[in-house]
Amino acid sequence: MPYERVHIWNVTKAAGSRPTRSRGRPVSGLICVNGAAAHHARPGDVVILATFAEASDEDEARAWKPIVVRVDAP
């Protein structure tokens, strides 16, 4: 969702940041790190992007399935 909080862990530099997500081009497949968080990532770095969800009760939490996307190097 636009403006949700995400975590970016840069595996290459052992650095992390928690920027706010903004809207990009639909279906572009691009991930761009802007603002202060851009100082923690460069093209070619290995990064982990994480978002989080809240469940309203235990049943909803147990039914939730995370989506994992692995992207290979170009």
C-alpha atoms as a PDB file:
ATOM      1  CA  MET A   1       0.000   0.000   0.000  1.00  0.00           C
ATOM      2  CA  PRO A   2       1.279   3.501  -0.659  1.00  0.00           C
ATOM      3  CA  TYR A   3       2.960   5.089   2.366  1.00  0.00           C
ATOM      4  CA  GLU A   4       3.215   1.812   4.289  1.00  0.00           C
ATOM      5  CA  ARG A   5       6.361   1.281   6.330  1.00  0.00           C
ATOM      6  CA  VAL A   6       8.803  -1.225   4.869  1.00  0.00           C
ATOM      7  CA  HIS A   7      12.159  -2.517   6.034  1.00  0.00           C
ATOM      8  CA  ILE A   8      15.170  -2.715   3.732  1.00  0.00           C
ATOM      9  CA  TRP A   9      18.108  -4.806   4.848  1.00  0.00           C
ATOM     10  CA  ASN A  10      21.211  -4.421   2.719  1.00  0.00           C
ATOM     11  CA  VAL A  11      23.048  -7.745   2.942  1.00  0.00           C
ATOM     12  CA  THR A  12      26.046  -6.405   0.995  1.00  0.00           C
ATOM     13  CA  LYS A  13      26.718  -3.514   3.388  1.00  0.00           C
ATOM     14  CA  ALA A  14      25.177  -4.869   6.615  1.00  0.00           C
ATOM     15  CA  ALA A  15      22.940  -1.795   6.802  1.00  0.00           C
ATOM     16  CA  GLY A  16      19.232  -1.291   7.263  1.00  0.00           C
ATOM     17  CA  SER A  17      16.600   1.393   6.946  1.00  0.00           C
ATOM     18  CA  ARG A  18      12.842   1.797   7.331  1.00  0.00           C
ATOM     19  CA  PRO A  19      11.598   4.117   4.588  1.00  0.00           C
ATOM     20  CA  THR A  20       7.990   4.739   3.627  1.00  0.00           C
ATOM     21  CA  ARG A  21       6.752   3.190   0.388  1.00  0.00           C
ATOM     22  CA  SER A  22       5.453   5.501  -2.321  1.00  0.00           C
ATOM     23  CA  ARG A  23       3.544   4.714  -5.482  1.00  0.00           C
ATOM     24  CA  GLY A  24       5.520   3.758  -8.584  1.00  0.00           C
ATOM     25  CA  ARG A  25       4.571   2.903 -12.142  1.00  0.00           C
ATOM     26  CA  PRO A  26       2.001   0.082 -12.151  1.00  0.00           C
ATOM     27  CA  VAL A  27       3.376  -3.299 -13.263  1.00  0.00           C
ATOM     28  CA  SER A  28       6.794  -1.794 -14.050  1.00  0.00           C
ATOM     29  CA  GLY A  29       8.692  -4.333 -11.936  1.00  0.00           C
ATOM     30  CA  LEU A  30      11.007  -1.552 -10.761  1.00  0.00           C
ATOM     31  CA  ILE A  31      12.136  -1.090  -7.186  1.00  0.00           C
ATOM     32  CA  CYS A  32      13.779   2.238  -6.481  1.00  0.00           C
ATOM     33  CA  VAL A  33      15.239   3.412  -3.188  1.00  0.00           C
ATOM     34  CA  ASN A  34      14.929   7.189  -2.802  1.00  0.00           C
ATOM     35  CA  GLY A  35      15.636   9.805  -0.173  1.00  0.00           C
ATOM     36  CA  ALA A  36      17.831   9.097   2.835  1.00  0.00           C
ATOM     37  CA  ALA A  37      17.446   5.321   2.360  1.00  0.00           C
ATOM     38  CA  ALA A  38      19.246   5.641  -0.987  1.00  0.00           C
ATOM     39  CA  HIS A  39      22.492   6.206   0.925  1.00  0.00           C
ATOM     40  CA  HIS A  40      22.239   2.584   2.108  1.00  0.00           C
ATOM     41  CA  ALA A  41      21.815   0.904  -1.299  1.00  0.00           C
ATOM     42  CA  ARG A  42      23.586   0.908  -4.645  1.00  0.00           C
ATOM     43  CA  PRO A  43      22.873  -0.988  -7.871  1.00  0.00           C
ATOM     44  CA  GLY A  44      24.155  -4.538  -7.501  1.00  0.00           C
ATOM     45  CA  ASP A  45      23.730  -4.722  -3.707  1.00  0.00           C
ATOM     46  CA  VAL A  46      21.896  -7.746  -2.330  1.00  0.00           C
ATOM     47  CA  VAL A  47      18.881  -6.480  -0.386  1.00  0.00           C
ATOM     48  CA  ILE A  48      15.929  -7.913   1.499  1.00  0.00           C
ATOM     49  CA  LEU A  49      12.663  -5.951   1.362  1.00  0.00           C
ATOM     50  CA  ALA A  50      10.090  -6.757   4.019  1.00  0.00           C
ATOM     51  CA  THR A  51       6.553  -5.595   4.679  1.00  0.00           C
ATOM     52  CA  PHE A  52       4.373  -6.593   7.601  1.00  0.00           C
ATOM     53  CA  ALA A  53       0.727  -7.433   8.217  1.00  0.00           C
ATOM     54  CA  GLU A  54      -1.514  -7.266  11.261  1.00  0.00           C
ATOM     55  CA  ALA A  55      -4.163  -9.853  11.989  1.00  0.00           C
ATOM     56  CA  SER A  56      -7.316  -9.046  13.928  1.00  0.00           C
ATOM     57  CA  ASP A  57      -7.449 -12.434  15.639  1.00  0.00           C
ATOM     58  CA  GLU A  58      -5.636 -15.766  15.968  1.00  0.00           C
ATOM     59  CA  ASP A  59      -7.648 -17.458  13.185  1.00  0.00           C
ATOM     60  CA  GLU A  60      -6.756 -14.724  10.706  1.00  0.00           C
ATOM     61  CA  ALA A  61      -3.097 -14.927  11.741  1.00  0.00           C
ATOM     62  CA  ARG A  62      -2.989 -18.711  11.251  1.00  0.00           C
ATOM     63  CA  ALA A  63      -4.641 -18.437   7.815  1.00  0.00           C
ATOM     64  CA  TRP A  64      -2.260 -15.743   6.560  1.00  0.00           C
ATOM     65  CA  LYS A  65       0.347 -16.905   4.040  1.00  0.00           C
ATOM     66  CA  PRO A  66       3.366 -14.722   3.261  1.00  0.00           C
ATOM     67  CA  ILE A  67       4.412 -14.027  -0.310  1.00  0.00           C
ATOM     68  CA  VAL A  68       8.109 -14.541  -1.004  1.00  0.00           C
ATOM     69  CA  VAL A  69       9.623 -13.216  -4.222  1.00  0.00           C
ATOM     70  CA  ARG A  70      13.187 -14.074  -5.158  1.00  0.00           C
ATOM     71  CA  VAL A  71      14.801 -12.022  -7.890  1.00  0.00           C
ATOM     72  CA  ASP A  72      17.943 -13.256  -9.611  1.00  0.00           C
ATOM     73  CA  ALA A  73      20.813 -11.002 -10.593  1.00  0.00           C
ATOM     74  CA  PRO A  74      20.573  -9.616 -14.167  1.00  0.00           C
END
